[in-house]
Amino acid sequence: MKVLFVTPEISPFSKTSGIADVSDALSRHLSERGVSVDVFSPMYKSVKDNFKTEDTGIRVTFPVFRRHQTAYLRKTRVGEVTVFFVENDRYFYRPGFYGDERGDYHDNSERFCFFCRAVLELVKLLKKRYDVVHLNEWQAATVCAYLKTLYKDEPLFDRTSSVLTLHNLANQGIFDHWDFNFVGLPWEYFTWHYFEYYGKTNLLKGGIAFADKLNTVSPTYAKEIQTKEYGCGLEGVLLSRSKDLVGILNGCDYEQWNPEKDSSIPANYSEKKMDGKKRCKESLQKLCEFDADERLPLIGIISHLTEQKGFDLLEESLKRIEALGVRLIVLGVGEKRYEEMLLSAHKQRPQFIRVFLQFDEKLAHLIEAGSDMFLMPSRYEPCGSNQMYSMRYGTVPIARKTGGLADTIVSYPAPDATGFLFDDYSSDSLCETLKSAVELFLNQPHKWKEIVSNGMRKRFLWEESAEEYLRLYKAAMNKRELR
């Protein structure tokens, strides 16, 4: 099987979110299963400046609305996977991938419509035939439409199927009505069946309408997005495609997240030998200038500071959480209002909460290793990774029962519990669940150790996820054959 994997980000070259890690891990694990995988991604400024790539000598010029633009093709190798980069400095040689300190780039619709057309034009010049084109997020979704419109009579693509992965439905690529000009399709496709969305252009919606198969990154999220509460306005079109929509849980990179070998933490440890975790907790307490008390519950949070991640709920609950006698550590950046709220809380109560407004990979590992509990009060969570990391590090996740959190955490008091889940998106529900966890930690250490051990033994393997994607690819190919 030959797969063309199109993504706006891929580690280690470009990363602002988990999609970069998913793109890297999934492409590698598919390759290990005998799949020929080529990845296409934009050549952002950070990629061009920091990584060595090879010029393929291939370039193509084509119209983007009223002007012609040229795409250059560069490449590198990651194991058996070839990663191609679409180069155009006008569109991609910028400080940020999608925006800067002033906000999103005004021409993002043009930039990524160009990227989607460029991928197919460059593949034509490569003369490579693929069984499946796997698109990721709105930045790549328009390829689905092109395959069935502008390129439907192209012999190279006559047997190519498309799969579109919805990593986070809140990100849809919604632009002005007139931005449909950059898509380059006849205006007959600007209808509610395809790209039109309340008078605007919606690139993700267009991709959903044309894709052969769809998936999200957890089974529960696949069900949730077909409801008004979680559908972000697309629940109708997703319901109409329900027979083609599945949820495939992301895996976890246990090479990078393994307390037995992790060089980022002060001491290594395992399920059977936990002394190292005590040393990690001591180091974390010292860094945060908290009292060095082994029985003092430490709660970690590593997150984008947004409403999606539950920071409005956290703000409402802070005083009640402090009353439980715990210590809270927060690492991340995000919306200014939540950054200011957390800094204010730290200033007023430095012995309760410590805040690090940054991205720091080494500190993230220390927080996972040194915390007793990990809090994820998300309003919605397509998959989530930190609950998986936490379990592996013997840190008990406490999370809202939604999306991938519901699919990965077994809630206490189940015999095989790996954490605590709460249902209602409310301060009462969060605080009562957290109180139960703290009481168990303080008063029933043997039961707590059982939960820790259950989590440390749990595995969410990319090998299993890759097998599910293979089945999805085959289903997409069979659908194409029936046409």
Protein backbone atom coordinates (compact mmCIF):
# COMPACT_ATOMS: atom_id res chain seq x y z
CA MET A 1 0.00 0.00 0.00
CA LYS A 2 1.21 3.49 -0.88
CA VAL A 3 0.07 6.41 1.28
CA LEU A 4 0.47 10.15 0.75
CA PHE A 5 0.30 11.78 4.20
CA VAL A 6 -0.45 15.51 4.12
CA THR A 7 -0.11 17.50 7.34
CA PRO A 8 0.43 21.12 8.41
CA GLU A 9 2.96 20.01 11.05
CA ILE A 10 5.33 17.12 11.68
CA SER A 11 7.88 16.59 14.44
CA PRO A 12 10.72 17.34 14.75
CA PHE A 13 10.51 19.86 11.91
CA SER A 14 7.41 21.87 12.79
CA LYS A 15 5.28 21.79 15.91
CA THR A 16 2.70 23.95 17.65
CA SER A 17 0.37 21.16 18.75
CA GLY A 18 -0.02 17.40 19.15
CA ILE A 19 -0.75 16.94 15.45
CA ALA A 20 3.00 17.19 14.82
CA ASP A 21 3.76 14.23 17.08
CA VAL A 22 0.84 12.24 15.65
CA SER A 23 2.06 12.84 12.10
CA ASP A 24 5.58 11.69 12.97
CA ALA A 25 4.57 8.63 15.00
CA LEU A 26 1.83 7.39 12.70
CA SER A 27 3.86 7.74 9.50
CA ARG A 28 6.76 5.84 11.09
CA HIS A 29 4.59 3.03 12.45
CA LEU A 30 2.78 2.64 9.13
CA SER A 31 6.15 2.35 7.43
CA GLU A 32 7.19 -0.35 9.89
CA ARG A 33 4.14 -2.31 8.72
CA GLY A 34 5.30 -2.34 5.13
CA VAL A 35 3.36 0.73 3.98
CA SER A 36 5.18 3.09 1.63
CA VAL A 37 4.62 6.52 3.21
CA ASP A 38 5.46 9.93 1.78
CA VAL A 39 4.72 12.99 3.92
CA PHE A 40 4.00 16.45 2.50
CA SER A 41 4.17 19.52 4.76
CA PRO A 42 4.88 23.26 4.31
CA MET A 43 8.46 24.53 4.49
CA TYR A 44 8.03 27.11 7.24
CA LYS A 45 10.79 29.54 8.14
CA SER A 46 11.80 27.42 11.17
CA VAL A 47 12.15 24.36 8.95
CA LYS A 48 14.18 26.17 6.31
CA ASP A 49 16.49 27.81 8.86
CA ASN A 50 17.07 24.83 11.16
CA PHE A 51 16.99 21.62 9.10
CA LYS A 52 19.02 20.35 6.19
CA THR A 53 16.88 19.33 3.21
CA GLU A 54 17.61 18.30 -0.35
CA ASP A 55 16.40 20.22 -3.39
CA THR A 56 14.54 17.79 -5.67
CA GLY A 57 14.79 20.18 -8.61
CA ILE A 58 11.02 19.92 -9.00
CA ARG A 59 8.92 23.06 -9.15
CA VAL A 60 5.54 23.99 -10.54
CA THR A 61 3.69 27.25 -11.21
CA PHE A 62 -0.10 27.49 -11.16
CA PRO A 63 -2.77 30.15 -10.63
CA VAL A 64 -3.97 31.16 -7.16
CA PHE A 65 -6.95 33.40 -7.93
CA ARG A 66 -5.50 36.40 -9.81
CA ARG A 67 -1.79 35.66 -9.57
CA HIS A 68 0.52 32.77 -10.40
CA GLN A 69 2.60 31.21 -7.66
CA THR A 70 5.47 28.71 -7.76
CA ALA A 71 5.92 25.74 -5.45
CA TYR A 72 9.39 24.27 -4.98
CA LEU A 73 9.89 20.76 -3.61
CA ARG A 74 12.53 19.79 -1.07
CA LYS A 75 12.88 16.53 0.87
CA THR A 76 14.56 14.63 3.66
CA ARG A 77 14.33 11.16 5.18
CA VAL A 78 13.15 10.00 8.59
CA GLY A 79 13.91 6.29 8.68
CA GLU A 80 12.01 4.77 5.76
CA VAL A 81 9.67 7.76 5.44
CA THR A 82 10.33 10.48 2.89
CA VAL A 83 9.25 13.91 4.11
CA PHE A 84 8.62 16.40 1.29
CA PHE A 85 8.42 20.12 1.98
CA VAL A 86 6.44 22.55 -0.16
CA GLU A 87 8.51 25.72 -0.40
CA ASN A 88 7.22 29.19 -1.21
CA ASP A 89 8.77 32.00 0.80
CA ARG A 90 5.92 34.41 0.15
CA TYR A 91 3.52 32.11 1.96
CA PHE A 92 5.63 30.20 4.47
CA TYR A 93 8.83 32.11 5.32
CA ARG A 94 7.29 33.91 8.30
CA PRO A 95 7.88 34.01 12.07
CA GLY A 96 4.86 31.82 12.87
CA PHE A 97 3.08 28.98 11.12
CA TYR A 98 -0.41 30.48 11.22
CA GLY A 99 0.05 33.92 12.79
CA ASP A 100 2.14 36.21 14.95
CA GLU A 101 1.68 38.36 18.04
CA ARG A 102 -0.96 40.40 16.18
CA GLY A 103 -3.12 37.35 15.48
CA ASP A 104 -3.78 34.96 12.59
CA TYR A 105 -2.30 35.84 9.21
CA HIS A 106 -4.94 37.54 7.05
CA ASP A 107 -4.10 35.32 4.05
CA ASN A 108 -4.23 31.88 5.71
CA SER A 109 -6.97 30.75 3.32
CA GLU A 110 -4.79 31.64 0.33
CA ARG A 111 -1.68 30.08 1.89
CA PHE A 112 -3.23 26.69 2.53
CA CYS A 113 -5.31 26.50 -0.64
CA PHE A 114 -1.98 27.05 -2.41
CA PHE A 115 -0.43 24.28 -0.28
CA CYS A 116 -3.22 21.80 -1.15
CA ARG A 117 -3.02 22.51 -4.89
CA ALA A 118 0.78 22.40 -4.76
CA VAL A 119 0.78 18.92 -3.20
CA LEU A 120 -1.19 17.44 -6.08
CA GLU A 121 0.68 19.39 -8.77
CA LEU A 122 4.04 18.27 -7.36
CA VAL A 123 2.88 14.65 -7.06
CA LYS A 124 2.01 14.79 -10.77
CA LEU A 125 5.59 15.79 -11.52
CA LEU A 126 6.92 13.07 -9.21
CA LYS A 127 4.74 10.65 -11.21
CA LYS A 128 3.91 8.73 -8.06
CA ARG A 129 0.62 6.84 -7.72
CA TYR A 130 -0.87 6.51 -4.23
CA ASP A 131 -3.63 4.23 -3.00
CA VAL A 132 -4.67 6.61 -0.22
CA VAL A 133 -4.17 10.29 0.48
CA HIS A 134 -4.42 10.92 4.25
CA LEU A 135 -5.24 14.56 5.04
CA ASN A 136 -4.92 16.16 8.46
CA GLU A 137 -6.92 19.16 9.69
CA TRP A 138 -8.39 22.07 7.73
CA GLN A 139 -5.02 23.14 6.31
CA ALA A 140 -4.93 19.95 4.19
CA ALA A 141 -8.66 19.20 3.85
CA THR A 142 -9.19 20.90 0.48
CA VAL A 143 -7.15 18.13 -1.18
CA CYS A 144 -10.24 15.91 -0.70
CA ALA A 145 -12.27 18.31 -2.83
CA TYR A 146 -9.61 18.66 -5.50
CA LEU A 147 -9.35 14.89 -5.98
CA LYS A 148 -13.03 14.74 -6.93
CA THR A 149 -13.22 17.97 -8.93
CA LEU A 150 -10.17 19.57 -10.56
CA TYR A 151 -8.18 16.31 -10.64
CA LYS A 152 -10.96 13.75 -11.13
CA ASP A 153 -9.86 13.02 -14.70
CA GLU A 154 -6.15 12.91 -13.87
CA PRO A 155 -5.00 9.29 -14.58
CA LEU A 156 -2.50 9.38 -11.71
CA PHE A 157 -5.33 9.84 -9.17
CA ASP A 158 -8.08 7.74 -10.75
CA ARG A 159 -7.76 5.02 -8.09
CA THR A 160 -6.73 7.22 -5.15
CA SER A 161 -8.94 7.31 -2.03
CA SER A 162 -9.00 10.01 0.62
CA VAL A 163 -9.09 9.86 4.42
CA LEU A 164 -9.52 13.04 6.48
CA THR A 165 -8.55 13.14 10.17
CA LEU A 166 -10.30 15.69 12.39
CA HIS A 167 -7.85 16.33 15.21
CA ASN A 168 -9.83 19.16 16.80
CA LEU A 169 -13.17 20.23 15.34
CA ALA A 170 -12.84 23.71 16.84
CA ASN A 171 -10.24 24.48 14.15
CA GLN A 172 -12.15 24.64 10.88
CA GLY A 173 -10.49 27.17 8.59
CA ILE A 174 -13.42 29.60 8.41
CA PHE A 175 -12.84 32.64 6.20
CA ASP A 176 -14.69 35.38 4.38
CA HIS A 177 -17.21 34.53 1.66
CA TRP A 178 -14.89 35.93 -1.04
CA ASP A 179 -11.98 33.77 0.11
CA PHE A 180 -13.64 30.95 -1.79
CA ASN A 181 -11.87 32.47 -4.80
CA PHE A 182 -8.61 31.01 -3.46
CA VAL A 183 -10.09 27.50 -3.46
CA GLY A 184 -10.20 27.76 -7.23
CA LEU A 185 -13.41 25.76 -7.71
CA PRO A 186 -16.55 26.94 -9.53
CA TRP A 187 -18.96 28.90 -7.33
CA GLU A 188 -21.48 26.07 -7.64
CA TYR A 189 -19.50 24.44 -4.81
CA PHE A 190 -20.13 27.38 -2.53
CA THR A 191 -23.35 25.89 -1.15
CA TRP A 192 -24.39 24.39 2.18
CA HIS A 193 -23.60 20.95 0.74
CA TYR A 194 -19.92 21.82 0.41
CA PHE A 195 -17.92 24.90 1.45
CA GLU A 196 -20.57 27.44 2.49
CA TYR A 197 -21.01 27.93 6.23
CA TYR A 198 -23.37 30.69 7.40
CA GLY A 199 -22.28 32.84 4.48
CA LYS A 200 -18.58 32.15 5.01
CA THR A 201 -16.03 29.78 3.45
CA ASN A 202 -15.29 26.73 5.61
CA LEU A 203 -12.34 24.68 4.32
CA LEU A 204 -12.78 21.82 6.78
CA LYS A 205 -16.46 21.46 5.89
CA GLY A 206 -15.54 21.19 2.22
CA GLY A 207 -13.05 18.46 3.04
CA ILE A 208 -15.61 16.54 5.12
CA ALA A 209 -18.10 16.67 2.24
CA PHE A 210 -15.64 15.17 -0.27
CA ALA A 211 -13.52 12.73 1.80
CA ASP A 212 -14.08 9.02 1.25
CA LYS A 213 -13.58 8.24 4.95
CA LEU A 214 -13.31 10.36 8.10
CA ASN A 215 -11.88 9.80 11.53
CA THR A 216 -11.24 11.55 14.81
CA VAL A 217 -8.56 10.75 17.36
CA SER A 218 -10.71 8.87 19.87
CA PRO A 219 -13.93 6.80 19.69
CA THR A 220 -15.83 8.93 22.20
CA TYR A 221 -14.94 12.17 20.40
CA ALA A 222 -16.22 10.65 17.14
CA LYS A 223 -19.63 10.25 18.81
CA GLU A 224 -19.54 13.60 20.60
CA ILE A 225 -18.94 15.70 17.48
CA GLN A 226 -22.20 14.43 16.00
CA THR A 227 -24.07 16.28 18.74
CA LYS A 228 -24.93 19.96 19.02
CA GLU A 229 -22.86 20.34 22.21
CA TYR A 230 -19.59 19.27 20.61
CA GLY A 231 -20.21 19.55 16.86
CA CYS A 232 -19.02 23.18 16.59
CA GLY A 233 -21.76 23.84 14.03
CA LEU A 234 -20.81 20.86 11.84
CA GLU A 235 -22.87 18.22 13.63
CA GLY A 236 -25.36 18.10 10.74
CA VAL A 237 -22.80 17.35 8.03
CA LEU A 238 -21.03 14.87 10.35
CA LEU A 239 -24.30 13.07 11.07
CA SER A 240 -24.85 12.78 7.34
CA ARG A 241 -21.41 11.10 7.08
CA SER A 242 -21.77 8.98 10.23
CA LYS A 243 -21.34 5.67 8.40
CA ASP A 244 -17.95 6.89 7.13
CA LEU A 245 -16.76 8.34 10.47
CA VAL A 246 -14.75 6.36 13.04
CA GLY A 247 -12.64 7.15 16.09
CA ILE A 248 -9.06 5.89 16.32
CA LEU A 249 -7.25 6.58 19.56
CA ASN A 250 -3.81 8.15 19.31
CA GLY A 251 -0.93 6.13 20.68
CA CYS A 252 1.76 7.21 23.13
CA ASP A 253 5.48 7.48 22.47
CA TYR A 254 6.93 5.30 25.23
CA GLU A 255 10.46 5.85 23.99
CA GLN A 256 10.20 9.51 24.91
CA TRP A 257 7.91 9.04 27.94
CA ASN A 258 9.45 6.30 30.05
CA PRO A 259 10.41 6.93 33.70
CA GLU A 260 12.81 3.99 33.63
CA LYS A 261 15.05 5.65 31.01
CA ASP A 262 14.07 9.34 31.04
CA SER A 263 17.24 11.47 31.14
CA SER A 264 15.20 14.65 31.81
CA ILE A 265 14.30 13.70 35.38
CA PRO A 266 16.50 13.61 38.52
CA ALA A 267 16.01 9.88 39.13
CA ASN A 268 14.62 6.97 37.16
CA TYR A 269 12.09 4.54 38.55
CA SER A 270 9.71 1.72 37.67
CA GLU A 271 6.49 0.22 38.97
CA LYS A 272 8.44 -2.21 41.15
CA LYS A 273 11.03 0.30 42.34
CA MET A 274 9.44 3.67 43.06
CA ASP A 275 12.16 5.38 45.10
CA GLY A 276 13.10 7.56 42.14
CA LYS A 277 9.64 9.08 42.03
CA LYS A 278 10.12 10.35 45.60
CA ARG A 279 13.32 12.09 44.50
CA CYS A 280 11.51 13.63 41.53
CA LYS A 281 8.81 14.94 43.87
CA GLU A 282 11.44 16.44 46.16
CA SER A 283 13.10 18.18 43.19
CA LEU A 284 9.78 19.53 41.98
CA GLN A 285 8.86 20.80 45.45
CA LYS A 286 12.24 22.52 45.72
CA LEU A 287 11.87 24.13 42.29
CA CYS A 288 8.43 25.45 43.22
CA GLU A 289 9.60 26.54 46.68
CA PHE A 290 6.99 24.36 48.33
CA ASP A 291 7.41 22.63 51.70
CA ALA A 292 9.33 19.37 51.35
CA ASP A 293 6.60 17.11 52.70
CA GLU A 294 6.10 13.67 51.13
CA ARG A 295 2.47 13.57 52.23
CA LEU A 296 1.67 16.95 50.68
CA PRO A 297 -0.33 16.15 47.50
CA LEU A 298 1.20 17.74 44.39
CA ILE A 299 -1.13 18.33 41.44
CA GLY A 300 0.37 19.05 38.03
CA ILE A 301 -1.17 20.74 34.98
CA ILE A 302 0.57 21.00 31.59
CA SER A 303 -1.69 22.62 29.05
CA HIS A 304 -2.62 25.37 26.66
CA LEU A 305 -4.34 27.92 28.87
CA THR A 306 -7.71 28.04 27.12
CA GLU A 307 -11.38 27.57 27.89
CA GLN A 308 -11.33 24.27 25.97
CA LYS A 309 -8.88 22.94 28.54
CA GLY A 310 -11.16 23.93 31.42
CA PHE A 311 -9.40 27.00 32.76
CA ASP A 312 -12.66 28.84 33.31
CA LEU A 313 -13.64 25.92 35.56
CA LEU A 314 -10.27 25.98 37.29
CA GLU A 315 -10.58 29.72 37.94
CA GLU A 316 -13.95 29.15 39.60
CA SER A 317 -12.57 26.27 41.71
CA LEU A 318 -9.18 27.59 42.89
CA LYS A 319 -10.21 28.54 46.44
CA ARG A 320 -11.92 25.20 47.02
CA ILE A 321 -8.92 23.34 45.64
CA GLU A 322 -6.59 25.28 47.95
CA ALA A 323 -8.80 24.32 50.91
CA LEU A 324 -7.99 20.65 50.23
CA GLY A 325 -4.43 21.27 51.39
CA VAL A 326 -2.80 20.49 48.05
CA ARG A 327 -0.12 22.24 45.98
CA LEU A 328 -0.74 23.12 42.33
CA ILE A 329 1.84 23.46 39.54
CA VAL A 330 0.84 24.87 36.14
CA LEU A 331 2.99 24.85 32.99
CA GLY A 332 1.81 26.40 29.73
CA VAL A 333 0.86 29.50 27.79
CA GLY A 334 -2.40 30.63 26.27
CA GLU A 335 -5.13 33.21 26.58
CA LYS A 336 -4.01 36.36 28.35
CA ARG A 337 -6.92 36.35 30.82
CA TYR A 338 -5.93 32.91 32.14
CA GLU A 339 -2.25 33.78 32.26
CA GLU A 340 -3.08 36.87 34.34
CA MET A 341 -5.48 34.91 36.55
CA LEU A 342 -2.83 32.29 37.35
CA LEU A 343 -0.08 34.83 37.96
CA SER A 344 -2.38 36.73 40.32
CA ALA A 345 -3.19 33.53 42.20
CA HIS A 346 0.51 32.74 42.57
CA LYS A 347 1.29 36.24 43.79
CA GLN A 348 -1.44 36.07 46.42
CA ARG A 349 -0.87 32.44 47.47
CA PRO A 350 2.70 31.36 46.57
CA GLN A 351 2.56 28.39 48.96
CA PHE A 352 -0.46 27.00 47.07
CA ILE A 353 0.25 27.53 43.37
CA ARG A 354 3.35 27.88 41.16
CA VAL A 355 2.98 29.00 37.56
CA PHE A 356 5.41 28.63 34.63
CA LEU A 357 4.15 30.57 31.59
CA GLN A 358 6.31 28.84 28.99
CA PHE A 359 6.83 25.70 26.96
CA ASP A 360 9.60 23.67 28.58
CA GLU A 361 9.95 20.02 27.60
CA LYS A 362 12.33 19.15 30.44
CA LEU A 363 10.11 20.77 33.04
CA ALA A 364 7.11 18.95 31.57
CA HIS A 365 8.86 15.63 32.24
CA LEU A 366 9.69 16.69 35.81
CA ILE A 367 6.08 17.70 36.49
CA GLU A 368 4.84 14.36 35.18
CA ALA A 369 7.37 12.49 37.30
CA GLY A 370 7.19 14.58 40.47
CA SER A 371 3.44 15.13 40.76
CA ASP A 372 1.08 12.82 42.62
CA MET A 373 -1.92 13.77 40.48
CA PHE A 374 -2.45 15.35 37.09
CA LEU A 375 -5.50 17.55 36.49
CA MET A 376 -7.30 17.77 33.09
CA PRO A 377 -10.70 19.49 33.57
CA SER A 378 -11.31 19.83 29.83
CA ARG A 379 -14.56 21.09 28.39
CA TYR A 380 -13.79 18.71 25.52
CA GLU A 381 -10.69 16.70 24.63
CA PRO A 382 -10.38 15.02 21.20
CA CYS A 383 -7.73 12.61 22.53
CA GLY A 384 -5.25 14.06 25.00
CA SER A 385 -1.73 12.82 25.66
CA ASN A 386 -0.84 13.93 29.16
CA GLN A 387 -3.19 11.45 30.82
CA MET A 388 -1.23 8.70 29.03
CA TYR A 389 2.11 10.17 30.10
CA SER A 390 0.83 10.57 33.66
CA MET A 391 -0.21 6.94 33.99
CA ARG A 392 3.17 5.76 32.76
CA TYR A 393 4.89 8.00 35.35
CA GLY A 394 2.74 6.81 38.26
CA THR A 395 0.90 10.13 38.41
CA VAL A 396 -2.84 9.63 38.79
CA PRO A 397 -4.94 11.57 36.23
CA ILE A 398 -8.06 13.41 37.39
CA ALA A 399 -10.10 14.47 34.38
CA ARG A 400 -13.49 15.27 32.98
CA LYS A 401 -15.19 12.33 31.28
CA THR A 402 -15.04 13.50 27.68
CA GLY A 403 -13.42 12.48 24.40
CA GLY A 404 -10.13 10.62 24.67
CA LEU A 405 -10.06 11.11 28.46
CA ALA A 406 -13.13 8.90 28.74
CA ASP A 407 -11.53 6.33 26.43
CA THR A 408 -8.20 6.07 28.27
CA ILE A 409 -8.91 6.51 32.00
CA VAL A 410 -10.64 3.84 34.07
CA SER A 411 -12.29 5.70 36.94
CA TYR A 412 -12.07 4.81 40.61
CA PRO A 413 -13.64 2.80 42.31
CA ALA A 414 -13.39 0.24 39.48
CA PRO A 415 -11.00 -2.62 40.44
CA ASP A 416 -8.73 -1.76 37.50
CA ALA A 417 -8.96 2.01 38.07
CA THR A 418 -6.18 4.16 36.62
CA GLY A 419 -7.54 7.57 37.65
CA PHE A 420 -10.62 9.63 38.50
CA LEU A 421 -13.25 10.98 36.12
CA PHE A 422 -16.06 13.48 36.70
CA ASP A 423 -19.08 13.95 34.42
CA ASP A 424 -20.53 17.41 34.85
CA TYR A 425 -18.65 20.45 33.64
CA SER A 426 -19.01 22.22 36.97
CA SER A 427 -16.92 23.41 39.89
CA ASP A 428 -18.85 21.13 42.26
CA SER A 429 -18.14 18.04 40.18
CA LEU A 430 -14.45 18.89 39.80
CA CYS A 431 -13.91 19.71 43.48
CA GLU A 432 -15.80 16.69 44.80
CA THR A 433 -13.81 14.34 42.60
CA LEU A 434 -10.54 16.00 43.55
CA LYS A 435 -11.51 15.78 47.23
CA SER A 436 -12.13 12.03 46.86
CA ALA A 437 -8.72 11.58 45.25
CA VAL A 438 -6.94 13.57 47.96
CA GLU A 439 -8.67 11.65 50.75
CA LEU A 440 -7.69 8.33 49.14
CA PHE A 441 -4.09 9.52 48.72
CA LEU A 442 -3.85 10.56 52.39
CA ASN A 443 -5.88 7.82 54.09
CA GLN A 444 -5.62 4.70 51.92
CA PRO A 445 -2.05 4.54 50.60
CA HIS A 446 -2.33 0.86 49.64
CA LYS A 447 -5.39 1.56 47.47
CA TRP A 448 -3.62 4.56 45.97
CA LYS A 449 -0.62 2.40 45.07
CA GLU A 450 -2.97 -0.01 43.26
CA ILE A 451 -4.26 2.83 41.08
CA VAL A 452 -0.68 3.97 40.41
CA SER A 453 0.39 0.42 39.47
CA ASN A 454 -2.62 -0.07 37.20
CA GLY A 455 -1.75 3.11 35.33
CA MET A 456 1.95 2.31 35.01
CA ARG A 457 1.11 -1.05 33.43
CA LYS A 458 -1.33 0.46 30.94
CA ARG A 459 -0.16 0.91 27.35
CA PHE A 460 -1.60 2.89 24.44
CA LEU A 461 0.47 1.66 21.54
CA TRP A 462 0.96 3.29 18.17
CA GLU A 463 1.29 -0.21 16.75
CA GLU A 464 -2.38 -0.80 17.53
CA SER A 465 -3.44 2.62 16.20
CA ALA A 466 -1.53 2.02 12.97
CA GLU A 467 -3.40 -1.26 12.43
CA GLU A 468 -6.70 0.58 12.81
CA TYR A 469 -5.61 3.17 10.26
CA LEU A 470 -4.70 0.39 7.85
CA ARG A 471 -8.23 -0.97 8.17
CA LEU A 472 -9.61 2.52 7.55
CA TYR A 473 -7.42 2.94 4.46
CA LYS A 474 -8.67 -0.38 3.08
CA ALA A 475 -12.28 0.66 3.71
CA ALA A 476 -11.64 3.91 1.82
CA MET A 477 -10.08 1.96 -1.06
CA ASN A 478 -13.04 -0.43 -1.17
CA LYS A 479 -15.45 2.51 -1.27
CA ARG A 480 -13.54 3.98 -4.18
CA GLU A 481 -13.67 0.64 -6.01
CA LEU A 482 -17.45 0.49 -5.69
CA ARG A 483 -17.89 3.82 -7.41
